[in-house]
Amino acid sequence: MRLILASTSPARLALLRAAGIEPETVPPGVDEEAAVAAAELQRGAPLEPAELVQLLARLKAEAVAAAVGTTDGLILGGDSAFAFGGTTFGKPHEPAVATARWLAQRGGTGVLHSGHFLVDARTGEGFGETAHASVRFAADLDDEEITAYVASGEPLSVAGAFTIDGLAGPFIEHVDGDPSTVVGLSLSTLRRLVRRTGTSWPSLWNRRPAA
């Protein structure tokens, strides 16, 4: 069974590869800001973090499913957002924004929301689920460490301005939930969605473990 990843995220790709799956990757081409703005306009209120990531995960999966047409594969869309102090954060993009976030969140705890949507191209059915994991940051993180981390460029293009599987790993003291959720894709959640399509999880294994 083929798994098609509607994402160009290196972190999601690395997670799947480590789990024995070499997916096909197809950029979804979804205008995320426009999609969220339209949904919030229709609702008349901001989307909750879980709603936001689930919406974007679904749109990405459906866009790629429409592009590839009928196939024997499963198409996975995903999206992540970090909620801290009552605010939902996506990618900071700018160093000043990333720095401000880290200064605010050190010593605190936030929740990483990871949306998943899986389309079974054989039937056209779609299944979605959002995973959540709380993340506690080190309280003794100093300004020099924050400055160096932001200068590395790593936090600029990831939700919440941090990664657990990269340079920020030592700055994170505790994770409550599936750790892979914090990377951007909950493997346990994906397994449940795959099984809902009637597909065996091991049937996706197409990659030998690294020696």
C-alpha atoms as a PDB file:
ATOM      1  CA  MET A   1       0.000   0.000   0.000  1.00  0.00           C
ATOM      2  CA  ARG A   2       1.374   3.427  -0.941  1.00  0.00           C
ATOM      3  CA  LEU A   3       1.319   6.349   1.452  1.00  0.00           C
ATOM      4  CA  ILE A   4       1.307   9.767  -0.180  1.00  0.00           C
ATOM      5  CA  LEU A   5       2.368  12.611   2.106  1.00  0.00           C
ATOM      6  CA  ALA A   6       0.637  15.884   1.248  1.00  0.00           C
ATOM      7  CA  SER A   7       3.496  17.860   2.737  1.00  0.00           C
ATOM      8  CA  THR A   8       7.088  18.907   2.106  1.00  0.00           C
ATOM      9  CA  SER A   9       7.930  18.904   5.823  1.00  0.00           C
ATOM     10  CA  PRO A  10      11.370  17.322   6.407  1.00  0.00           C
ATOM     11  CA  ALA A  11      10.353  16.463   9.985  1.00  0.00           C
ATOM     12  CA  ARG A  12       7.242  14.501   8.936  1.00  0.00           C
ATOM     13  CA  LEU A  13       9.209  12.726   6.238  1.00  0.00           C
ATOM     14  CA  ALA A  14      11.942  11.754   8.709  1.00  0.00           C
ATOM     15  CA  LEU A  15       9.359  10.410  11.178  1.00  0.00           C
ATOM     16  CA  LEU A  16       7.753   8.190   8.548  1.00  0.00           C
ATOM     17  CA  ARG A  17      11.108   6.935   7.326  1.00  0.00           C
ATOM     18  CA  ALA A  18      12.138   6.038  10.878  1.00  0.00           C
ATOM     19  CA  ALA A  19       8.848   4.087  11.167  1.00  0.00           C
ATOM     20  CA  GLY A  20       9.703   2.034   8.079  1.00  0.00           C
ATOM     21  CA  ILE A  21       7.688   4.024   5.524  1.00  0.00           C
ATOM     22  CA  GLU A  22       9.088   5.784   2.466  1.00  0.00           C
ATOM     23  CA  PRO A  23       6.153   7.919   1.325  1.00  0.00           C
ATOM     24  CA  GLU A  24       5.649   9.711  -1.918  1.00  0.00           C
ATOM     25  CA  THR A  25       5.630  13.453  -1.235  1.00  0.00           C
ATOM     26  CA  VAL A  26       3.382  15.882  -3.085  1.00  0.00           C
ATOM     27  CA  PRO A  27       3.201  19.607  -2.223  1.00  0.00           C
ATOM     28  CA  PRO A  28      -0.450  20.391  -1.442  1.00  0.00           C
ATOM     29  CA  GLY A  29      -0.410  23.950  -2.747  1.00  0.00           C
ATOM     30  CA  VAL A  30      -2.991  25.172  -0.226  1.00  0.00           C
ATOM     31  CA  ASP A  31      -3.186  28.872   0.628  1.00  0.00           C
ATOM     32  CA  GLU A  32      -3.332  28.353   4.374  1.00  0.00           C
ATOM     33  CA  GLU A  33      -3.889  31.970   5.404  1.00  0.00           C
ATOM     34  CA  ALA A  34      -6.756  32.385   2.943  1.00  0.00           C
ATOM     35  CA  ALA A  35      -8.363  29.118   4.027  1.00  0.00           C
ATOM     36  CA  VAL A  36      -8.256  30.043   7.702  1.00  0.00           C
ATOM     37  CA  ALA A  37      -9.511  33.566   7.027  1.00  0.00           C
ATOM     38  CA  ALA A  38     -12.465  32.212   5.030  1.00  0.00           C
ATOM     39  CA  ALA A  39     -13.353  29.704   7.755  1.00  0.00           C
ATOM     40  CA  GLU A  40     -13.183  32.341  10.464  1.00  0.00           C
ATOM     41  CA  LEU A  41     -15.236  34.779   8.414  1.00  0.00           C
ATOM     42  CA  GLN A  42     -17.927  32.151   7.929  1.00  0.00           C
ATOM     43  CA  ARG A  43     -17.885  31.281  11.614  1.00  0.00           C
ATOM     44  CA  GLY A  44     -17.644  34.851  12.812  1.00  0.00           C
ATOM     45  CA  ALA A  45     -14.953  33.960  15.332  1.00  0.00           C
ATOM     46  CA  PRO A  46     -11.362  32.699  15.436  1.00  0.00           C
ATOM     47  CA  LEU A  47     -10.835  28.962  15.056  1.00  0.00           C
ATOM     48  CA  GLU A  48      -9.716  26.993  18.074  1.00  0.00           C
ATOM     49  CA  PRO A  49      -6.224  25.468  17.629  1.00  0.00           C
ATOM     50  CA  ALA A  50      -7.578  21.925  17.138  1.00  0.00           C
ATOM     51  CA  GLU A  51     -10.069  23.171  14.554  1.00  0.00           C
ATOM     52  CA  LEU A  52      -7.425  25.151  12.694  1.00  0.00           C
ATOM     53  CA  VAL A  53      -4.966  22.287  12.284  1.00  0.00           C
ATOM     54  CA  GLN A  54      -7.708  19.824  11.371  1.00  0.00           C
ATOM     55  CA  LEU A  55      -9.065  22.173   8.707  1.00  0.00           C
ATOM     56  CA  LEU A  56      -5.665  22.633   7.087  1.00  0.00           C
ATOM     57  CA  ALA A  57      -4.795  18.931   7.317  1.00  0.00           C
ATOM     58  CA  ARG A  58      -8.044  18.071   5.536  1.00  0.00           C
ATOM     59  CA  LEU A  59      -7.596  20.691   2.822  1.00  0.00           C
ATOM     60  CA  LYS A  60      -4.048  19.519   2.123  1.00  0.00           C
ATOM     61  CA  ALA A  61      -5.049  15.851   1.896  1.00  0.00           C
ATOM     62  CA  GLU A  62      -8.048  16.591  -0.298  1.00  0.00           C
ATOM     63  CA  ALA A  63      -6.029  18.843  -2.625  1.00  0.00           C
ATOM     64  CA  VAL A  64      -3.434  16.143  -3.239  1.00  0.00           C
ATOM     65  CA  ALA A  65      -6.108  13.435  -3.529  1.00  0.00           C
ATOM     66  CA  ALA A  66      -7.774  15.464  -6.288  1.00  0.00           C
ATOM     67  CA  ALA A  67      -4.430  15.974  -8.031  1.00  0.00           C
ATOM     68  CA  VAL A  68      -3.330  12.322  -8.035  1.00  0.00           C
ATOM     69  CA  GLY A  69      -6.769  10.924  -8.899  1.00  0.00           C
ATOM     70  CA  THR A  70      -7.815   7.311  -8.356  1.00  0.00           C
ATOM     71  CA  THR A  71      -5.008   5.211  -6.982  1.00  0.00           C
ATOM     72  CA  ASP A  72      -4.389   2.433  -4.516  1.00  0.00           C
ATOM     73  CA  GLY A  73      -2.812   4.816  -2.036  1.00  0.00           C
ATOM     74  CA  LEU A  74      -3.610   6.645   1.170  1.00  0.00           C
ATOM     75  CA  ILE A  75      -3.082  10.405   1.190  1.00  0.00           C
ATOM     76  CA  LEU A  76      -2.025  12.049   4.439  1.00  0.00           C
ATOM     77  CA  GLY A  77      -2.380  15.727   5.214  1.00  0.00           C
ATOM     78  CA  GLY A  78      -1.039  17.277   8.387  1.00  0.00           C
ATOM     79  CA  ASP A  79      -0.726  20.608  10.120  1.00  0.00           C
ATOM     80  CA  SER A  80       0.531  21.822  13.496  1.00  0.00           C
ATOM     81  CA  ALA A  81       0.023  24.814  15.776  1.00  0.00           C
ATOM     82  CA  PHE A  82       1.296  25.664  19.238  1.00  0.00           C
ATOM     83  CA  ALA A  83      -0.987  27.190  21.859  1.00  0.00           C
ATOM     84  CA  PHE A  84       0.632  29.127  24.687  1.00  0.00           C
ATOM     85  CA  GLY A  85      -0.867  31.641  27.075  1.00  0.00           C
ATOM     86  CA  GLY A  86      -4.171  31.739  25.247  1.00  0.00           C
ATOM     87  CA  THR A  87      -2.592  32.479  21.850  1.00  0.00           C
ATOM     88  CA  THR A  88      -2.157  30.122  18.899  1.00  0.00           C
ATOM     89  CA  PHE A  89       1.206  30.268  17.168  1.00  0.00           C
ATOM     90  CA  GLY A  90       2.245  28.969  13.777  1.00  0.00           C
ATOM     91  CA  LYS A  91       5.660  29.522  12.193  1.00  0.00           C
ATOM     92  CA  PRO A  92       7.402  32.726  13.314  1.00  0.00           C
ATOM     93  CA  HIS A  93       9.373  33.273  10.067  1.00  0.00           C
ATOM     94  CA  GLU A  94      11.181  36.324  11.523  1.00  0.00           C
ATOM     95  CA  PRO A  95      14.050  36.137  14.089  1.00  0.00           C
ATOM     96  CA  ALA A  96      12.549  38.902  16.228  1.00  0.00           C
ATOM     97  CA  VAL A  97       9.251  37.030  16.447  1.00  0.00           C
ATOM     98  CA  ALA A  98      10.976  33.764  17.373  1.00  0.00           C
ATOM     99  CA  THR A  99      13.035  35.519  20.049  1.00  0.00           C
ATOM    100  CA  ALA A 100       9.972  37.134  21.610  1.00  0.00           C
ATOM    101  CA  ARG A 101       8.189  33.791  21.756  1.00  0.00           C
ATOM    102  CA  TRP A 102      11.100  32.059  23.455  1.00  0.00           C
ATOM    103  CA  LEU A 103      11.498  34.826  26.014  1.00  0.00           C
ATOM    104  CA  ALA A 104       7.813  34.449  26.866  1.00  0.00           C
ATOM    105  CA  GLN A 105       7.603  30.663  26.934  1.00  0.00           C
ATOM    106  CA  ARG A 106      10.733  29.701  28.879  1.00  0.00           C
ATOM    107  CA  GLY A 107       9.708  28.073  32.134  1.00  0.00           C
ATOM    108  CA  GLY A 108       6.156  27.698  30.854  1.00  0.00           C
ATOM    109  CA  THR A 109       3.996  24.973  29.333  1.00  0.00           C
ATOM    110  CA  GLY A 110       2.081  25.026  26.074  1.00  0.00           C
ATOM    111  CA  VAL A 111       0.171  22.544  23.942  1.00  0.00           C
ATOM    112  CA  LEU A 112       1.176  21.383  20.479  1.00  0.00           C
ATOM    113  CA  HIS A 113      -1.834  20.505  18.319  1.00  0.00           C
ATOM    114  CA  SER A 114      -1.192  18.241  15.336  1.00  0.00           C
ATOM    115  CA  GLY A 115      -3.991  17.708  12.820  1.00  0.00           C
ATOM    116  CA  HIS A 116      -4.148  14.576  10.671  1.00  0.00           C
ATOM    117  CA  PHE A 117      -6.436  13.785   7.762  1.00  0.00           C
ATOM    118  CA  LEU A 118      -6.200  10.597   5.738  1.00  0.00           C
ATOM    119  CA  VAL A 119      -7.954  10.077   2.401  1.00  0.00           C
ATOM    120  CA  ASP A 120      -8.403   6.547   1.108  1.00  0.00           C
ATOM    121  CA  ALA A 121      -8.137   7.049  -2.649  1.00  0.00           C
ATOM    122  CA  ARG A 122      -9.722   3.630  -3.263  1.00  0.00           C
ATOM    123  CA  THR A 123     -13.027   4.748  -1.774  1.00  0.00           C
ATOM    124  CA  GLY A 124     -12.768   8.529  -1.501  1.00  0.00           C
ATOM    125  CA  GLU A 125     -13.433   8.347   2.235  1.00  0.00           C
ATOM    126  CA  GLY A 126     -11.573  10.627   4.604  1.00  0.00           C
ATOM    127  CA  PHE A 127     -10.758  10.254   8.279  1.00  0.00           C
ATOM    128  CA  GLY A 128      -9.442  12.946  10.594  1.00  0.00           C
ATOM    129  CA  GLU A 129      -8.082  13.203  14.109  1.00  0.00           C
ATOM    130  CA  THR A 130      -6.116  15.786  16.071  1.00  0.00           C
ATOM    131  CA  ALA A 131      -3.402  14.823  18.535  1.00  0.00           C
ATOM    132  CA  HIS A 132      -2.303  17.008  21.454  1.00  0.00           C
ATOM    133  CA  ALA A 133       0.859  17.052  23.545  1.00  0.00           C
ATOM    134  CA  SER A 134       1.830  19.467  26.300  1.00  0.00           C
ATOM    135  CA  VAL A 135       5.388  20.771  26.296  1.00  0.00           C
ATOM    136  CA  ARG A 136       7.235  22.277  29.282  1.00  0.00           C
ATOM    137  CA  PHE A 137      10.265  24.468  28.632  1.00  0.00           C
ATOM    138  CA  ALA A 138      13.291  24.844  30.881  1.00  0.00           C
ATOM    139  CA  ALA A 139      13.026  27.762  33.288  1.00  0.00           C
ATOM    140  CA  ASP A 140      16.795  28.336  33.429  1.00  0.00           C
ATOM    141  CA  LEU A 141      17.110  28.950  29.688  1.00  0.00           C
ATOM    142  CA  ASP A 142      19.207  32.119  29.411  1.00  0.00           C
ATOM    143  CA  ASP A 143      19.161  34.928  26.869  1.00  0.00           C
ATOM    144  CA  GLU A 144      22.425  33.786  25.284  1.00  0.00           C
ATOM    145  CA  GLU A 145      20.996  30.342  24.570  1.00  0.00           C
ATOM    146  CA  ILE A 146      17.848  31.841  23.070  1.00  0.00           C
ATOM    147  CA  THR A 147      19.877  34.203  20.881  1.00  0.00           C
ATOM    148  CA  ALA A 148      22.067  31.364  19.637  1.00  0.00           C
ATOM    149  CA  TYR A 149      19.085  29.140  18.924  1.00  0.00           C
ATOM    150  CA  VAL A 150      17.262  31.791  16.920  1.00  0.00           C
ATOM    151  CA  ALA A 151      20.479  32.567  15.012  1.00  0.00           C
ATOM    152  CA  SER A 152      20.665  28.913  13.959  1.00  0.00           C
ATOM    153  CA  GLY A 153      17.549  29.478  11.843  1.00  0.00           C
ATOM    154  CA  GLU A 154      15.894  26.290  13.054  1.00  0.00           C
ATOM    155  CA  PRO A 155      12.903  27.871  14.831  1.00  0.00           C
ATOM    156  CA  LEU A 156      11.861  30.177  11.995  1.00  0.00           C
ATOM    157  CA  SER A 157       9.942  27.641   9.913  1.00  0.00           C
ATOM    158  CA  VAL A 158       8.377  25.385  12.553  1.00  0.00           C
ATOM    159  CA  ALA A 159       5.147  25.761  14.529  1.00  0.00           C
ATOM    160  CA  GLY A 160       5.770  27.292  17.934  1.00  0.00           C
ATOM    161  CA  ALA A 161       9.365  28.232  17.023  1.00  0.00           C
ATOM    162  CA  PHE A 162      10.846  24.994  18.338  1.00  0.00           C
ATOM    163  CA  THR A 163      11.550  21.370  17.525  1.00  0.00           C
ATOM    164  CA  ILE A 164      11.988  18.523  19.972  1.00  0.00           C
ATOM    165  CA  ASP A 165      14.112  16.489  17.579  1.00  0.00           C
ATOM    166  CA  GLY A 166      16.634  19.230  16.829  1.00  0.00           C
ATOM    167  CA  LEU A 167      18.650  21.906  18.568  1.00  0.00           C
ATOM    168  CA  ALA A 168      15.826  22.826  20.953  1.00  0.00           C
ATOM    169  CA  GLY A 169      15.574  19.312  22.386  1.00  0.00           C
ATOM    170  CA  PRO A 170      17.729  20.135  25.460  1.00  0.00           C
ATOM    171  CA  PHE A 171      15.502  23.153  26.213  1.00  0.00           C
ATOM    172  CA  ILE A 172      12.408  20.966  26.665  1.00  0.00           C
ATOM    173  CA  GLU A 173      12.018  19.348  30.078  1.00  0.00           C
ATOM    174  CA  HIS A 174       8.798  17.379  29.726  1.00  0.00           C
ATOM    175  CA  VAL A 175       6.325  16.195  27.102  1.00  0.00           C
ATOM    176  CA  ASP A 176       2.929  14.788  28.047  1.00  0.00           C
ATOM    177  CA  GLY A 177       1.515  12.913  25.066  1.00  0.00           C
ATOM    178  CA  ASP A 178       2.828  11.106  22.004  1.00  0.00           C
ATOM    179  CA  PRO A 179       6.316  12.624  21.525  1.00  0.00           C
ATOM    180  CA  SER A 180       6.041  12.380  17.741  1.00  0.00           C
ATOM    181  CA  THR A 181       3.101  14.796  17.956  1.00  0.00           C
ATOM    182  CA  VAL A 182       5.572  17.526  18.866  1.00  0.00           C
ATOM    183  CA  VAL A 183       7.605  16.739  15.755  1.00  0.00           C
ATOM    184  CA  GLY A 184       4.487  17.304  13.650  1.00  0.00           C
ATOM    185  CA  LEU A 185       2.978  13.886  13.098  1.00  0.00           C
ATOM    186  CA  SER A 186       1.595  11.531  15.737  1.00  0.00           C
ATOM    187  CA  LEU A 187       2.496   8.041  14.563  1.00  0.00           C
ATOM    188  CA  SER A 188       0.033   6.411  16.946  1.00  0.00           C
ATOM    189  CA  THR A 189      -2.749   8.645  15.592  1.00  0.00           C
ATOM    190  CA  LEU A 190      -1.787   7.855  12.009  1.00  0.00           C
ATOM    191  CA  ARG A 191      -1.889   4.138  12.755  1.00  0.00           C
ATOM    192  CA  ARG A 192      -5.451   4.458  14.039  1.00  0.00           C
ATOM    193  CA  LEU A 193      -6.512   6.325  10.910  1.00  0.00           C
ATOM    194  CA  VAL A 194      -4.839   3.766   8.643  1.00  0.00           C
ATOM    195  CA  ARG A 195      -6.655   0.939  10.407  1.00  0.00           C
ATOM    196  CA  ARG A 196      -9.969   2.764   9.931  1.00  0.00           C
ATOM    197  CA  THR A 197      -9.493   2.386   6.173  1.00  0.00           C
ATOM    198  CA  GLY A 198      -9.221  -1.377   6.628  1.00  0.00           C
ATOM    199  CA  THR A 199      -5.501  -1.246   5.884  1.00  0.00           C
ATOM    200  CA  SER A 200      -2.896  -3.136   7.878  1.00  0.00           C
ATOM    201  CA  TRP A 201      -0.216  -0.847   9.295  1.00  0.00           C
ATOM    202  CA  PRO A 202       2.629  -3.250   8.393  1.00  0.00           C
ATOM    203  CA  SER A 203       1.466  -3.167   4.770  1.00  0.00           C
ATOM    204  CA  LEU A 204       2.881   0.366   4.610  1.00  0.00           C
ATOM    205  CA  TRP A 205       6.386  -0.773   5.519  1.00  0.00           C
ATOM    206  CA  ASN A 206       8.539  -0.354   2.447  1.00  0.00           C
ATOM    207  CA  ARG A 207      11.797   0.876   3.911  1.00  0.00           C
ATOM    208  CA  ARG A 208      14.509  -1.111   5.644  1.00  0.00           C
ATOM    209  CA  PRO A 209      15.650   0.141   9.049  1.00  0.00           C
ATOM    210  CA  ALA A 210      18.950   2.003   9.067  1.00  0.00           C
ATOM    211  CA  ALA A 211      21.889  -0.228   9.935  1.00  0.00           C
END
